[in-house]
Amino acid sequence: MLTRDRLERAIGAGQESAPIYNLALSDYRYVHPDHSLEIVIDRLGQTPGLLPVVSRSNMQQLVGMITSESLMQFVKAKSQGGAAAVSRTEGDIVHHEPAA
């Protein structure tokens, strides 16, 4: 995963031509679509604010991204008794299946 902060630091250090794999984090937290909200909150707290959601059957398939803001929007919508909410604002994507 490549964060904006790491990219900006690399550019500031004159590494514009460095391959992306040299700049990307190799050890990062992620969740699967079937993980509980408790796990999502715990892992999001261990990240720089961006939590990838990856397929359990194909770890290289990105299903969505969770940010602190998008998680709070989801929790707020659920607490107000609404159907599953999906936030698709610039930079924030929460992907989940509607409640049955």
C-alpha atoms as a PDB file:
ATOM      1  CA  MET A   1       0.000   0.000   0.000  1.00  0.00           C
ATOM      2  CA  LEU A   2       1.302   3.420  -0.884  1.00  0.00           C
ATOM      3  CA  THR A   3       0.141   6.300   1.285  1.00  0.00           C
ATOM      4  CA  ARG A   4       0.109   9.925   0.264  1.00  0.00           C
ATOM      5  CA  ASP A   5       2.521  10.725   3.098  1.00  0.00           C
ATOM      6  CA  ARG A   6       5.103   8.185   1.864  1.00  0.00           C
ATOM      7  CA  LEU A   7       4.734   9.447  -1.684  1.00  0.00           C
ATOM      8  CA  GLU A   8       5.215  13.086  -0.616  1.00  0.00           C
ATOM      9  CA  ARG A   9       8.264  12.163   1.475  1.00  0.00           C
ATOM     10  CA  ALA A  10       9.794  10.280  -1.476  1.00  0.00           C
ATOM     11  CA  ILE A  11       9.254  13.252  -3.800  1.00  0.00           C
ATOM     12  CA  GLY A  12      10.738  15.584  -1.179  1.00  0.00           C
ATOM     13  CA  ALA A  13      13.794  13.314  -0.983  1.00  0.00           C
ATOM     14  CA  GLY A  14      14.280  13.388  -4.767  1.00  0.00           C
ATOM     15  CA  GLN A  15      13.037   9.815  -5.362  1.00  0.00           C
ATOM     16  CA  GLU A  16      10.543  10.646  -8.128  1.00  0.00           C
ATOM     17  CA  SER A  17      11.937   7.942 -10.409  1.00  0.00           C
ATOM     18  CA  ALA A  18      11.991   5.194  -7.756  1.00  0.00           C
ATOM     19  CA  PRO A  19       9.783   2.170  -8.508  1.00  0.00           C
ATOM     20  CA  ILE A  20       6.496   2.177  -6.592  1.00  0.00           C
ATOM     21  CA  TYR A  21       7.305  -1.159  -4.927  1.00  0.00           C
ATOM     22  CA  ASN A  22      10.264   0.563  -3.237  1.00  0.00           C
ATOM     23  CA  LEU A  23       7.938   3.182  -1.736  1.00  0.00           C
ATOM     24  CA  ALA A  24       4.941   1.049  -0.795  1.00  0.00           C
ATOM     25  CA  LEU A  25       4.398  -0.348   2.670  1.00  0.00           C
ATOM     26  CA  SER A  26       5.001  -4.074   2.696  1.00  0.00           C
ATOM     27  CA  ASP A  27       3.551  -4.611   6.174  1.00  0.00           C
ATOM     28  CA  TYR A  28       0.066  -3.151   6.396  1.00  0.00           C
ATOM     29  CA  ARG A  29      -3.224  -4.003   8.030  1.00  0.00           C
ATOM     30  CA  TYR A  30      -6.267  -5.105   6.046  1.00  0.00           C
ATOM     31  CA  VAL A  31      -9.660  -6.709   6.601  1.00  0.00           C
ATOM     32  CA  HIS A  32     -11.908  -9.109   4.727  1.00  0.00           C
ATOM     33  CA  PRO A  33     -15.567  -8.340   3.904  1.00  0.00           C
ATOM     34  CA  ASP A  34     -16.765 -10.788   6.573  1.00  0.00           C
ATOM     35  CA  HIS A  35     -14.768  -9.280   9.450  1.00  0.00           C
ATOM     36  CA  SER A  36     -16.675  -7.811  12.381  1.00  0.00           C
ATOM     37  CA  LEU A  37     -16.933  -4.093  13.097  1.00  0.00           C
ATOM     38  CA  GLU A  38     -14.780  -4.685  16.187  1.00  0.00           C
ATOM     39  CA  ILE A  39     -11.921  -6.023  14.046  1.00  0.00           C
ATOM     40  CA  VAL A  40     -12.311  -3.179  11.535  1.00  0.00           C
ATOM     41  CA  ILE A  41     -12.087  -0.549  14.292  1.00  0.00           C
ATOM     42  CA  ASP A  42      -9.067  -2.256  15.867  1.00  0.00           C
ATOM     43  CA  ARG A  43      -7.169  -2.547  12.590  1.00  0.00           C
ATOM     44  CA  LEU A  44      -8.115   0.932  11.390  1.00  0.00           C
ATOM     45  CA  GLY A  45      -6.542   2.240  14.596  1.00  0.00           C
ATOM     46  CA  GLN A  46      -3.261   0.573  13.579  1.00  0.00           C
ATOM     47  CA  THR A  47      -3.116   2.279  10.172  1.00  0.00           C
ATOM     48  CA  PRO A  48      -2.385   5.757   8.854  1.00  0.00           C
ATOM     49  CA  GLY A  49      -6.154   6.166   8.360  1.00  0.00           C
ATOM     50  CA  LEU A  50      -6.721   3.895   5.383  1.00  0.00           C
ATOM     51  CA  LEU A  51      -7.774   0.252   5.672  1.00  0.00           C
ATOM     52  CA  PRO A  52      -7.938  -1.950   2.557  1.00  0.00           C
ATOM     53  CA  VAL A  53     -10.711  -4.542   2.316  1.00  0.00           C
ATOM     54  CA  VAL A  54      -9.441  -7.537   0.342  1.00  0.00           C
ATOM     55  CA  SER A  55     -11.121 -10.688  -0.908  1.00  0.00           C
ATOM     56  CA  ARG A  56     -10.595 -13.715   1.295  1.00  0.00           C
ATOM     57  CA  SER A  57     -10.316 -15.984  -1.769  1.00  0.00           C
ATOM     58  CA  ASN A  58      -7.945 -13.667  -3.676  1.00  0.00           C
ATOM     59  CA  MET A  59      -5.786 -11.520  -1.398  1.00  0.00           C
ATOM     60  CA  GLN A  60      -4.727  -9.372  -4.354  1.00  0.00           C
ATOM     61  CA  GLN A  61      -8.320  -8.384  -5.141  1.00  0.00           C
ATOM     62  CA  LEU A  62      -9.190  -5.057  -3.550  1.00  0.00           C
ATOM     63  CA  VAL A  63     -12.875  -4.989  -2.567  1.00  0.00           C
ATOM     64  CA  GLY A  64     -12.905  -1.524  -0.989  1.00  0.00           C
ATOM     65  CA  MET A  65     -11.188   0.964   1.291  1.00  0.00           C
ATOM     66  CA  ILE A  66     -12.278   2.158   4.721  1.00  0.00           C
ATOM     67  CA  THR A  67     -11.326   5.488   6.283  1.00  0.00           C
ATOM     68  CA  SER A  68     -12.161   6.729   9.772  1.00  0.00           C
ATOM     69  CA  GLU A  69     -14.632   9.193   8.287  1.00  0.00           C
ATOM     70  CA  SER A  70     -16.396   6.624   6.127  1.00  0.00           C
ATOM     71  CA  LEU A  71     -16.603   4.211   9.069  1.00  0.00           C
ATOM     72  CA  MET A  72     -18.236   6.896  11.214  1.00  0.00           C
ATOM     73  CA  GLN A  73     -20.746   7.631   8.408  1.00  0.00           C
ATOM     74  CA  PHE A  74     -21.627   3.933   8.271  1.00  0.00           C
ATOM     75  CA  VAL A  75     -22.029   3.591  12.038  1.00  0.00           C
ATOM     76  CA  LYS A  76     -24.159   6.745  12.172  1.00  0.00           C
ATOM     77  CA  ALA A  77     -26.433   5.495   9.370  1.00  0.00           C
ATOM     78  CA  LYS A  78     -26.828   2.102  11.044  1.00  0.00           C
ATOM     79  CA  SER A  79     -27.596   3.676  14.439  1.00  0.00           C
ATOM     80  CA  GLN A  80     -30.344   5.751  12.852  1.00  0.00           C
ATOM     81  CA  GLY A  81     -32.055   2.550  11.731  1.00  0.00           C
ATOM     82  CA  GLY A  82     -31.336   3.016   8.048  1.00  0.00           C
ATOM     83  CA  ALA A  83     -30.495   0.307   5.548  1.00  0.00           C
ATOM     84  CA  ALA A  84     -26.844  -0.369   4.860  1.00  0.00           C
ATOM     85  CA  ALA A  85     -25.213   2.833   3.729  1.00  0.00           C
ATOM     86  CA  VAL A  86     -22.493   3.189   1.143  1.00  0.00           C
ATOM     87  CA  SER A  87     -20.328   6.296   1.169  1.00  0.00           C
ATOM     88  CA  ARG A  88     -18.716   7.121  -2.133  1.00  0.00           C
ATOM     89  CA  THR A  89     -17.258  10.575  -1.618  1.00  0.00           C
ATOM     90  CA  GLU A  90     -13.910  11.556  -3.032  1.00  0.00           C
ATOM     91  CA  GLY A  91     -11.246   9.560  -1.225  1.00  0.00           C
ATOM     92  CA  ASP A  92     -13.657   7.611   0.969  1.00  0.00           C
ATOM     93  CA  ILE A  93     -15.236   4.345  -0.075  1.00  0.00           C
ATOM     94  CA  VAL A  94     -17.016   1.892   2.146  1.00  0.00           C
ATOM     95  CA  HIS A  95     -18.206  -1.261   0.428  1.00  0.00           C
ATOM     96  CA  HIS A  96     -20.532  -3.671   2.125  1.00  0.00           C
ATOM     97  CA  GLU A  97     -23.539  -5.800   1.381  1.00  0.00           C
ATOM     98  CA  PRO A  98     -26.997  -4.548   2.368  1.00  0.00           C
ATOM     99  CA  ALA A  99     -28.483  -6.095   5.471  1.00  0.00           C
ATOM    100  CA  ALA A 100     -30.907  -8.964   4.803  1.00  0.00           C
END
